[in-house]
């Protein structure tokens, strides 16, 4: 199974197309950690921003998409998108692995750990910071795919994450480099 992990698209249709035609091609599922359409008042408009086009592309995506509502997602977005915006989180089972997806603006790192532990998740996905991260706290793997459209890390890395077979990878969109990876072990 191939699962694409994305966050903070903020209305960038061109980036969605790039990811779907490349890294997420043939994905079985996409998990989105929120901030789908709205640009947000702190982000400058850049080339490729087109929320209406992104709505069309998401609605035509051939695989299922599960979206956790972000702090920039509004009720009107829910009316336009076919996949529902789930709030405050999405809980998904991948084989024997529980996955918790949330945006990342509501909970501290400690709260994320306890929420993931409470729903028996081994993977906890968040977004919001636009900075890619992959780390463990105890048995729980935490991943922030960063932002595919508006990176805010020192290196300005546009990034996504991917689960394929037993590997979780953070991937730089500009050069395809694996920024970090984690063997998830037996997930069947």
Protein backbone atom coordinates (compact mmCIF):
# COMPACT_ATOMS: atom_id res chain seq x y z
CA UNK A 1 0.00 0.00 0.00
CA UNK A 2 1.20 3.51 -0.85
CA UNK A 3 0.02 6.38 1.38
CA UNK A 4 0.81 10.00 0.54
CA UNK A 5 1.11 12.41 3.47
CA UNK A 6 0.72 16.12 2.76
CA UNK A 7 -0.07 19.32 4.63
CA UNK A 8 -0.43 23.03 4.18
CA UNK A 9 -1.26 23.11 0.47
CA UNK A 10 -2.80 26.59 0.98
CA UNK A 11 -4.47 26.71 -2.43
CA UNK A 12 -1.45 25.86 -4.59
CA UNK A 13 -2.95 23.84 -7.43
CA UNK A 14 0.30 23.57 -9.40
CA UNK A 15 2.00 21.90 -6.46
CA UNK A 16 -0.87 19.42 -6.04
CA UNK A 17 -0.51 18.47 -9.71
CA UNK A 18 3.26 18.09 -9.32
CA UNK A 19 2.91 15.81 -6.29
CA UNK A 20 0.08 13.73 -7.78
CA UNK A 21 1.94 13.20 -11.06
CA UNK A 22 5.17 12.39 -9.25
CA UNK A 23 5.63 11.08 -5.71
CA UNK A 24 1.93 10.29 -5.07
CA UNK A 25 1.31 8.67 -8.46
CA UNK A 26 -0.57 5.41 -7.87
CA UNK A 27 -1.19 6.26 -4.20
CA UNK A 28 -3.86 4.16 -2.50
CA UNK A 29 -4.69 6.89 0.03
CA UNK A 30 -3.73 10.48 0.82
CA UNK A 31 -3.68 11.78 4.39
CA UNK A 32 -3.81 15.60 4.51
CA UNK A 33 -2.99 17.39 7.77
CA UNK A 34 -4.99 20.51 6.92
CA UNK A 35 -4.80 24.08 5.63
CA UNK A 36 -6.03 22.99 2.22
CA UNK A 37 -7.24 26.11 0.38
CA UNK A 38 -6.86 29.36 2.25
CA UNK A 39 -3.66 31.33 1.82
CA UNK A 40 -3.67 32.80 5.32
CA UNK A 41 -2.91 36.43 6.19
CA UNK A 42 0.77 35.78 7.03
CA UNK A 43 1.67 34.13 3.72
CA UNK A 44 2.55 36.13 0.61
CA UNK A 45 0.86 35.12 -2.63
CA UNK A 46 3.20 33.36 -5.01
CA UNK A 47 2.94 31.86 -8.47
CA UNK A 48 0.74 28.78 -8.61
CA UNK A 49 -1.86 29.87 -6.04
CA UNK A 50 -5.29 28.92 -7.37
CA UNK A 51 -7.75 27.64 -4.77
CA UNK A 52 -10.54 27.04 -7.27
CA UNK A 53 -8.29 24.87 -9.44
CA UNK A 54 -7.08 22.98 -6.33
CA UNK A 55 -10.71 22.26 -5.40
CA UNK A 56 -11.25 20.73 -8.85
CA UNK A 57 -8.06 18.68 -8.63
CA UNK A 58 -8.77 17.33 -5.14
CA UNK A 59 -12.34 16.46 -6.10
CA UNK A 60 -11.05 14.53 -9.15
CA UNK A 61 -8.27 12.70 -7.27
CA UNK A 62 -8.77 8.99 -7.98
CA UNK A 63 -7.76 7.70 -4.53
CA UNK A 64 -9.46 8.45 -1.21
CA UNK A 65 -8.31 11.55 0.70
CA UNK A 66 -8.72 12.00 4.45
CA UNK A 67 -8.30 15.58 5.68
CA UNK A 68 -7.89 16.91 9.23
CA UNK A 69 -9.22 20.47 9.51
CA UNK A 70 -6.47 23.06 9.87
CA UNK A 71 -6.58 26.50 11.45
CA UNK A 72 -7.00 28.13 7.98
CA UNK A 73 -9.77 25.73 6.85
CA UNK A 74 -13.29 27.17 6.89
CA UNK A 75 -16.84 25.87 6.65
CA UNK A 76 -17.02 27.18 3.08
CA UNK A 77 -14.07 24.90 2.17
CA UNK A 78 -16.13 21.96 3.41
CA UNK A 79 -18.94 22.93 1.06
CA UNK A 80 -16.60 22.93 -1.94
CA UNK A 81 -14.45 19.86 -1.27
CA UNK A 82 -15.78 16.33 -1.73
CA UNK A 83 -13.60 14.80 1.01
CA UNK A 84 -14.93 15.97 4.38
CA UNK A 85 -12.73 18.10 6.63
CA UNK A 86 -12.55 16.09 9.83
CA UNK A 87 -12.04 17.96 13.05
CA UNK A 88 -9.92 18.02 15.07
CA UNK A 89 -8.36 14.82 13.76
CA UNK A 90 -8.52 11.76 11.56
CA UNK A 91 -7.92 8.29 12.97
CA UNK A 92 -6.96 5.61 10.46
CA UNK A 93 -5.77 2.00 10.71
CA UNK A 94 -3.07 0.85 8.31
CA UNK A 95 -2.70 -2.89 8.78
CA UNK A 96 -1.99 -3.28 12.48
CA UNK A 97 -0.84 0.35 12.84
CA UNK A 98 -3.06 3.14 14.13
CA UNK A 99 -2.46 6.54 12.51
CA UNK A 100 -3.61 9.83 14.03
CA UNK A 101 -3.71 12.89 11.72
CA UNK A 102 -4.28 16.42 13.04
CA UNK A 103 -3.19 19.87 11.96
CA UNK A 104 -0.91 20.66 14.89
CA UNK A 105 -2.22 24.01 16.07
CA UNK A 106 -4.33 22.76 18.99
CA UNK A 107 -2.04 20.45 20.95
CA UNK A 108 1.41 20.67 22.53
CA UNK A 109 3.96 17.94 21.83
CA UNK A 110 3.00 16.27 25.12
CA UNK A 111 -0.72 16.40 24.27
CA UNK A 112 0.01 14.92 20.84
CA UNK A 113 1.78 12.02 22.53
CA UNK A 114 -1.08 11.36 24.95
CA UNK A 115 -3.75 11.66 22.21
CA UNK A 116 -1.82 9.24 19.97
CA UNK A 117 -1.30 6.87 22.89
CA UNK A 118 -5.00 7.04 23.85
CA UNK A 119 -6.12 5.93 20.38
CA UNK A 120 -3.32 3.37 20.13
CA UNK A 121 -1.66 5.16 17.21
CA UNK A 122 1.91 4.25 16.30
CA UNK A 123 2.11 7.14 13.83
CA UNK A 124 1.06 10.72 14.58
CA UNK A 125 0.91 13.14 11.63
CA UNK A 126 0.70 16.90 12.00
CA UNK A 127 1.34 19.99 9.89
CA UNK A 128 0.95 23.69 10.72
CA UNK A 129 4.64 24.63 11.16
CA UNK A 130 5.53 24.08 7.47
CA UNK A 131 8.75 22.46 8.69
CA UNK A 132 9.41 18.77 7.90
CA UNK A 133 10.20 16.59 10.91
CA UNK A 134 10.41 12.89 11.66
CA UNK A 135 11.11 11.66 15.20
CA UNK A 136 10.04 9.17 17.84
CA UNK A 137 8.81 9.59 21.38
CA UNK A 138 8.77 6.13 22.84
CA UNK A 139 6.95 3.76 20.49
CA UNK A 140 5.18 6.55 18.58
CA UNK A 141 6.58 7.95 15.33
CA UNK A 142 5.77 11.62 14.74
CA UNK A 143 5.88 13.06 11.24
CA UNK A 144 5.28 16.55 9.95
CA UNK A 145 5.48 16.48 6.14
CA UNK A 146 6.25 20.20 6.08
CA UNK A 147 4.54 22.26 3.41
CA UNK A 148 4.50 21.35 -0.24
CA UNK A 149 3.78 24.98 -1.16
CA UNK A 150 5.02 27.43 1.50
CA UNK A 151 8.11 26.05 3.28
CA UNK A 152 9.34 27.84 6.38
CA UNK A 153 12.46 25.88 7.27
CA UNK A 154 15.97 27.34 6.93
CA UNK A 155 16.54 25.55 3.64
CA UNK A 156 13.15 26.49 2.13
CA UNK A 157 12.38 22.82 1.49
CA UNK A 158 9.05 22.04 -0.15
CA UNK A 159 8.25 18.59 1.17
CA UNK A 160 5.79 15.74 1.60
CA UNK A 161 5.93 12.32 3.23
CA UNK A 162 5.20 8.86 1.92
CA UNK A 163 4.51 5.47 3.46
CA UNK A 164 5.38 2.69 1.08
CA UNK A 165 5.56 -0.90 2.26
CA UNK A 166 7.23 -0.60 5.69
CA UNK A 167 9.07 2.70 5.12
CA UNK A 168 8.02 6.22 6.09
CA UNK A 169 9.99 8.87 4.17
CA UNK A 170 10.16 12.65 4.21
CA UNK A 171 10.84 13.77 0.64
CA UNK A 172 12.19 17.06 -0.74
CA UNK A 173 9.97 17.99 -3.71
CA UNK A 174 12.63 19.96 -5.51
CA UNK A 175 15.25 17.24 -5.85
CA UNK A 176 13.48 14.05 -4.73
CA UNK A 177 16.00 13.60 -1.92
CA UNK A 178 14.87 11.62 1.12
CA UNK A 179 15.28 14.04 4.02
CA UNK A 180 14.64 11.39 6.68
CA UNK A 181 13.20 7.90 6.82
CA UNK A 182 11.97 5.37 9.33
CA UNK A 183 11.45 1.63 9.03
CA UNK A 184 8.02 1.01 10.54
CA UNK A 185 8.63 -2.70 10.97
CA UNK A 186 5.89 -5.22 10.36
CA UNK A 187 2.71 -3.30 9.62
CA UNK A 188 0.66 -6.08 8.04
